[in-house]
Amino acid sequence: MPGPPSGTSHTLPPYAPHHRTGSPWRRPLPTPPQLI
């Protein structure tokens, strides 16, 4: 939550995976029940 770039890097990891895994994360949930 800090203002420096160091804080942004620490807060980016949790946000980056959400954006990068946003597709695979939301797909595995609504896909298993539909695929199965």
N, C-alpha and C. Protein backbone atom coordinates (compact mmCIF):
# COMPACT_ATOMS: atom_id res chain seq x y z
N MET A 1 0.84 -1.21 0.00
CA MET A 1 0.00 0.00 0.00
C MET A 1 0.87 1.26 0.00
N PRO A 2 2.18 1.06 0.12
CA PRO A 2 3.12 2.21 0.14
C PRO A 2 3.07 2.97 -1.18
N GLY A 3 3.66 4.17 -1.19
CA GLY A 3 3.63 4.99 -2.41
C GLY A 3 4.82 4.71 -3.32
N PRO A 4 5.98 4.38 -2.75
CA PRO A 4 7.21 4.13 -3.54
C PRO A 4 7.00 3.01 -4.55
N PRO A 5 7.91 2.89 -5.52
CA PRO A 5 7.82 1.84 -6.56
C PRO A 5 7.93 0.45 -5.93
N SER A 6 8.62 0.38 -4.81
CA SER A 6 8.81 -0.93 -4.13
C SER A 6 7.44 -1.47 -3.70
N GLY A 7 6.59 -0.58 -3.21
CA GLY A 7 5.25 -0.99 -2.74
C GLY A 7 4.38 -1.39 -3.93
N THR A 8 4.54 -0.69 -5.03
CA THR A 8 3.71 -1.00 -6.22
C THR A 8 4.07 -2.38 -6.75
N SER A 9 5.35 -2.71 -6.68
CA SER A 9 5.81 -4.02 -7.20
C SER A 9 5.19 -5.13 -6.34
N HIS A 10 5.07 -4.87 -5.07
CA HIS A 10 4.52 -5.89 -4.15
C HIS A 10 3.01 -6.00 -4.34
N THR A 11 2.39 -4.88 -4.74
CA THR A 11 0.93 -4.89 -4.90
C THR A 11 0.57 -5.31 -6.33
N LEU A 12 1.56 -5.33 -7.21
CA LEU A 12 1.30 -5.70 -8.61
C LEU A 12 1.15 -7.22 -8.75
N PRO A 13 1.97 -7.99 -8.07
CA PRO A 13 1.91 -9.46 -8.14
C PRO A 13 0.50 -9.99 -7.91
N PRO A 14 -0.18 -9.55 -6.87
CA PRO A 14 -1.53 -10.03 -6.56
C PRO A 14 -2.53 -9.57 -7.63
N TYR A 15 -2.22 -8.44 -8.27
CA TYR A 15 -3.15 -7.91 -9.28
C TYR A 15 -2.81 -8.48 -10.66
N ALA A 16 -1.52 -8.70 -10.90
CA ALA A 16 -1.07 -9.23 -12.21
C ALA A 16 -1.64 -10.64 -12.43
N PRO A 17 -1.54 -11.52 -11.46
CA PRO A 17 -2.04 -12.90 -11.61
C PRO A 17 -3.55 -12.89 -11.87
N HIS A 18 -4.21 -11.92 -11.33
CA HIS A 18 -5.67 -11.85 -11.51
C HIS A 18 -6.00 -11.50 -12.97
N HIS A 19 -5.16 -10.62 -13.53
CA HIS A 19 -5.38 -10.18 -14.92
C HIS A 19 -4.88 -11.24 -15.89
N ARG A 20 -3.79 -11.89 -15.50
CA ARG A 20 -3.17 -12.93 -16.38
C ARG A 20 -3.96 -14.24 -16.24
N THR A 21 -4.35 -14.53 -15.02
CA THR A 21 -5.09 -15.80 -14.79
C THR A 21 -6.60 -15.51 -14.76
N GLY A 22 -6.96 -14.28 -15.10
CA GLY A 22 -8.40 -13.93 -15.06
C GLY A 22 -9.18 -14.83 -16.02
N SER A 23 -8.59 -15.17 -17.14
CA SER A 23 -9.29 -16.01 -18.14
C SER A 23 -9.33 -17.48 -17.69
N PRO A 24 -8.15 -18.03 -17.37
CA PRO A 24 -8.06 -19.44 -16.96
C PRO A 24 -8.70 -19.65 -15.59
N TRP A 25 -8.73 -18.62 -14.81
CA TRP A 25 -9.29 -18.76 -13.44
C TRP A 25 -10.82 -18.81 -13.51
N ARG A 26 -11.39 -18.02 -14.37
CA ARG A 26 -12.87 -17.96 -14.47
C ARG A 26 -13.35 -19.10 -15.38
N ARG A 27 -12.49 -19.60 -16.20
CA ARG A 27 -12.91 -20.65 -17.16
C ARG A 27 -13.02 -22.01 -16.44
N PRO A 28 -12.02 -22.36 -15.67
CA PRO A 28 -12.01 -23.66 -14.97
C PRO A 28 -13.23 -23.82 -14.07
N LEU A 29 -13.77 -22.72 -13.61
CA LEU A 29 -14.93 -22.80 -12.69
C LEU A 29 -16.22 -23.11 -13.46
N PRO A 30 -16.53 -22.31 -14.47
CA PRO A 30 -17.77 -22.51 -15.26
C PRO A 30 -17.57 -23.57 -16.34
N THR A 31 -16.36 -24.08 -16.49
CA THR A 31 -16.09 -25.09 -17.54
C THR A 31 -16.25 -26.51 -17.00
N PRO A 32 -15.75 -26.80 -15.81
CA PRO A 32 -15.85 -28.15 -15.24
C PRO A 32 -17.29 -28.66 -15.21
N PRO A 33 -18.22 -27.87 -14.73
CA PRO A 33 -19.63 -28.28 -14.63
C PRO A 33 -20.25 -28.44 -16.02
N GLN A 34 -19.80 -27.62 -16.96
CA GLN A 34 -20.37 -27.67 -18.32
C GLN A 34 -19.71 -28.79 -19.12
N LEU A 35 -18.42 -28.96 -18.92
CA LEU A 35 -17.67 -29.99 -19.67
C LEU A 35 -18.04 -31.37 -19.12
N ILE A 36 -18.22 -31.41 -17.82
CA ILE A 36 -18.53 -32.70 -17.17
C ILE A 36 -20.00 -33.03 -17.46
